[in-house]
Amino acid sequence: MRIMRANLKRGTKMDNFVEMARSHRKRYLPRLYSRLEKAGALEEHLKSVAQMAEEELILLVSDQGMRYEEALEIVLPKYILISPEGAQPDLLGNSEEGTQTIGGTTE
């Protein structure tokens, strides 16, 4: 368990996840990106989803024995590479102009 946690060191993965989420949201979720940026909440949002992704990744790999690549396939679309705007309805049935669900929270 210690070895896995060392390989998944905080900072390196977290920074990668933040930048991956930033790039993805800017390209595929421009309204969300703009709304968060204007509200001054973009950095906090990116760090939050990156932290959730990292914590779940560590749990899946270290505690549940899942292979790293398999865990990434679960974690990335859930928190970092979320569905583009208008790609699918949210839980309330709203589409493109609706509320975007991100990492278990509604933005």
C-alpha atoms as a PDB file:
ATOM      1  CA  MET A   1       0.000   0.000   0.000  1.00  0.00           C
ATOM      2  CA  ARG A   2       2.831   2.410   0.796  1.00  0.00           C
ATOM      3  CA  ILE A   3       4.463   1.739  -2.556  1.00  0.00           C
ATOM      4  CA  MET A   4       1.245   2.530  -4.429  1.00  0.00           C
ATOM      5  CA  ARG A   5       0.689   5.699  -2.466  1.00  0.00           C
ATOM      6  CA  ALA A   6       4.258   6.761  -3.222  1.00  0.00           C
ATOM      7  CA  ASN A   7       3.662   6.165  -6.930  1.00  0.00           C
ATOM      8  CA  LEU A   8       0.487   8.231  -6.754  1.00  0.00           C
ATOM      9  CA  LYS A   9       2.177  11.107  -4.953  1.00  0.00           C
ATOM     10  CA  ARG A  10       0.068  14.172  -4.327  1.00  0.00           C
ATOM     11  CA  GLY A  11       1.172  17.093  -6.417  1.00  0.00           C
ATOM     12  CA  THR A  12       2.302  15.354  -9.578  1.00  0.00           C
ATOM     13  CA  LYS A  13      -0.997  13.593 -10.368  1.00  0.00           C
ATOM     14  CA  MET A  14      -3.010  16.450  -8.918  1.00  0.00           C
ATOM     15  CA  ASP A  15      -1.269  18.998 -11.154  1.00  0.00           C
ATOM     16  CA  ASN A  16      -1.747  16.746 -14.184  1.00  0.00           C
ATOM     17  CA  PHE A  17      -5.427  16.305 -13.385  1.00  0.00           C
ATOM     18  CA  VAL A  18      -5.904  20.064 -12.898  1.00  0.00           C
ATOM     19  CA  GLU A  19      -4.354  20.838 -16.277  1.00  0.00           C
ATOM     20  CA  MET A  20      -6.240  18.014 -17.995  1.00  0.00           C
ATOM     21  CA  ALA A  21      -9.546  19.241 -16.504  1.00  0.00           C
ATOM     22  CA  ARG A  22      -8.751  22.852 -17.457  1.00  0.00           C
ATOM     23  CA  SER A  23      -7.992  21.958 -21.053  1.00  0.00           C
ATOM     24  CA  HIS A  24     -11.025  19.675 -21.367  1.00  0.00           C
ATOM     25  CA  ARG A  25     -13.466  22.194 -19.884  1.00  0.00           C
ATOM     26  CA  LYS A  26     -12.100  25.063 -21.952  1.00  0.00           C
ATOM     27  CA  ARG A  27     -12.478  23.076 -25.184  1.00  0.00           C
ATOM     28  CA  TYR A  28     -15.603  20.972 -24.584  1.00  0.00           C
ATOM     29  CA  LEU A  29     -17.458  22.895 -21.862  1.00  0.00           C
ATOM     30  CA  PRO A  30     -16.867  26.538 -22.831  1.00  0.00           C
ATOM     31  CA  ARG A  31     -19.999  27.886 -21.102  1.00  0.00           C
ATOM     32  CA  LEU A  32     -19.150  26.151 -17.844  1.00  0.00           C
ATOM     33  CA  TYR A  33     -15.523  27.276 -18.131  1.00  0.00           C
ATOM     34  CA  SER A  34     -16.570  30.871 -18.776  1.00  0.00           C
ATOM     35  CA  ARG A  35     -19.128  30.864 -15.966  1.00  0.00           C
ATOM     36  CA  LEU A  36     -16.602  29.516 -13.455  1.00  0.00           C
ATOM     37  CA  GLU A  37     -13.920  31.908 -14.659  1.00  0.00           C
ATOM     38  CA  LYS A  38     -16.207  34.946 -14.389  1.00  0.00           C
ATOM     39  CA  ALA A  39     -17.292  33.893 -10.900  1.00  0.00           C
ATOM     40  CA  GLY A  40     -13.654  33.535  -9.832  1.00  0.00           C
ATOM     41  CA  ALA A  41     -14.284  29.877  -9.051  1.00  0.00           C
ATOM     42  CA  LEU A  42     -12.399  28.149 -11.870  1.00  0.00           C
ATOM     43  CA  GLU A  43      -9.223  27.304  -9.969  1.00  0.00           C
ATOM     44  CA  GLU A  44     -11.132  26.076  -6.935  1.00  0.00           C
ATOM     45  CA  HIS A  45     -13.344  23.903  -9.159  1.00  0.00           C
ATOM     46  CA  LEU A  46     -10.359  22.426 -11.025  1.00  0.00           C
ATOM     47  CA  LYS A  47      -8.497  21.644  -7.814  1.00  0.00           C
ATOM     48  CA  SER A  48     -11.620  20.114  -6.296  1.00  0.00           C
ATOM     49  CA  VAL A  49     -12.321  17.730  -9.194  1.00  0.00           C
ATOM     50  CA  ALA A  50      -8.621  16.852  -9.418  1.00  0.00           C
ATOM     51  CA  GLN A  51      -8.549  16.028  -5.715  1.00  0.00           C
ATOM     52  CA  MET A  52     -11.681  13.871  -5.976  1.00  0.00           C
ATOM     53  CA  ALA A  53     -10.166  12.042  -8.959  1.00  0.00           C
ATOM     54  CA  GLU A  54      -6.889  11.494  -7.162  1.00  0.00           C
ATOM     55  CA  GLU A  55      -8.562  10.233  -3.983  1.00  0.00           C
ATOM     56  CA  GLU A  56     -10.725   7.767  -5.887  1.00  0.00           C
ATOM     57  CA  LEU A  57      -7.750   6.630  -7.956  1.00  0.00           C
ATOM     58  CA  ILE A  58      -5.764   5.903  -4.792  1.00  0.00           C
ATOM     59  CA  LEU A  59      -8.730   4.071  -3.277  1.00  0.00           C
ATOM     60  CA  LEU A  60      -9.255   1.913  -6.362  1.00  0.00           C
ATOM     61  CA  VAL A  61      -5.572   1.049  -6.793  1.00  0.00           C
ATOM     62  CA  SER A  62      -4.304   0.845  -3.221  1.00  0.00           C
ATOM     63  CA  ASP A  63      -7.309  -0.309  -1.276  1.00  0.00           C
ATOM     64  CA  GLN A  64      -9.219  -2.334  -3.870  1.00  0.00           C
ATOM     65  CA  GLY A  65      -6.262  -3.727  -5.815  1.00  0.00           C
ATOM     66  CA  MET A  66      -7.382  -2.461  -9.212  1.00  0.00           C
ATOM     67  CA  ARG A  67      -4.769  -1.951 -11.921  1.00  0.00           C
ATOM     68  CA  TYR A  68      -3.795   1.698 -12.378  1.00  0.00           C
ATOM     69  CA  GLU A  69      -4.953   1.824 -16.014  1.00  0.00           C
ATOM     70  CA  GLU A  70      -8.347   0.336 -15.113  1.00  0.00           C
ATOM     71  CA  ALA A  71      -8.779   2.830 -12.303  1.00  0.00           C
ATOM     72  CA  LEU A  72      -7.955   5.703 -14.671  1.00  0.00           C
ATOM     73  CA  GLU A  73     -10.659   4.486 -17.064  1.00  0.00           C
ATOM     74  CA  ILE A  74     -13.174   4.907 -14.246  1.00  0.00           C
ATOM     75  CA  VAL A  75     -11.855   8.106 -12.698  1.00  0.00           C
ATOM     76  CA  LEU A  76     -11.081  10.273 -15.735  1.00  0.00           C
ATOM     77  CA  PRO A  77     -14.563  10.338 -17.294  1.00  0.00           C
ATOM     78  CA  LYS A  78     -16.176  10.698 -13.884  1.00  0.00           C
ATOM     79  CA  TYR A  79     -14.243  13.778 -12.760  1.00  0.00           C
ATOM     80  CA  ILE A  80     -11.825  15.103 -15.384  1.00  0.00           C
ATOM     81  CA  LEU A  81     -13.068  14.288 -18.895  1.00  0.00           C
ATOM     82  CA  ILE A  82     -16.776  14.799 -18.285  1.00  0.00           C
ATOM     83  CA  SER A  83     -19.320  14.819 -21.106  1.00  0.00           C
ATOM     84  CA  PRO A  84     -19.215  17.840 -23.403  1.00  0.00           C
ATOM     85  CA  GLU A  85     -21.972  20.426 -23.157  1.00  0.00           C
ATOM     86  CA  GLY A  86     -25.120  19.232 -24.874  1.00  0.00           C
ATOM     87  CA  ALA A  87     -23.815  15.690 -25.330  1.00  0.00           C
ATOM     88  CA  GLN A  88     -26.379  14.158 -23.020  1.00  0.00           C
ATOM     89  CA  PRO A  89     -29.184  15.292 -20.727  1.00  0.00           C
ATOM     90  CA  ASP A  90     -28.392  15.816 -17.079  1.00  0.00           C
ATOM     91  CA  LEU A  91     -30.189  14.043 -14.254  1.00  0.00           C
ATOM     92  CA  LEU A  92     -33.079  16.510 -14.444  1.00  0.00           C
ATOM     93  CA  GLY A  93     -33.593  15.889 -18.151  1.00  0.00           C
ATOM     94  CA  ASN A  94     -32.116  19.226 -19.199  1.00  0.00           C
ATOM     95  CA  SER A  95     -29.998  19.234 -22.306  1.00  0.00           C
ATOM     96  CA  GLU A  96     -27.483  21.683 -23.738  1.00  0.00           C
ATOM     97  CA  GLU A  97     -28.727  24.727 -21.825  1.00  0.00           C
ATOM     98  CA  GLY A  98     -29.288  22.721 -18.651  1.00  0.00           C
ATOM     99  CA  THR A  99     -27.302  22.288 -15.517  1.00  0.00           C
ATOM    100  CA  GLN A 100     -24.040  20.362 -15.894  1.00  0.00           C
ATOM    101  CA  THR A 101     -23.347  17.650 -13.342  1.00  0.00           C
ATOM    102  CA  ILE A 102     -19.674  17.449 -12.458  1.00  0.00           C
ATOM    103  CA  GLY A 103     -18.002  14.956 -10.193  1.00  0.00           C
ATOM    104  CA  GLY A 104     -21.147  14.288  -8.227  1.00  0.00           C
ATOM    105  CA  THR A 105     -21.895  17.983  -7.731  1.00  0.00           C
ATOM    106  CA  THR A 106     -24.098  20.279  -9.753  1.00  0.00           C
ATOM    107  CA  GLU A 107     -22.555  23.387 -11.252  1.00  0.00           C
END
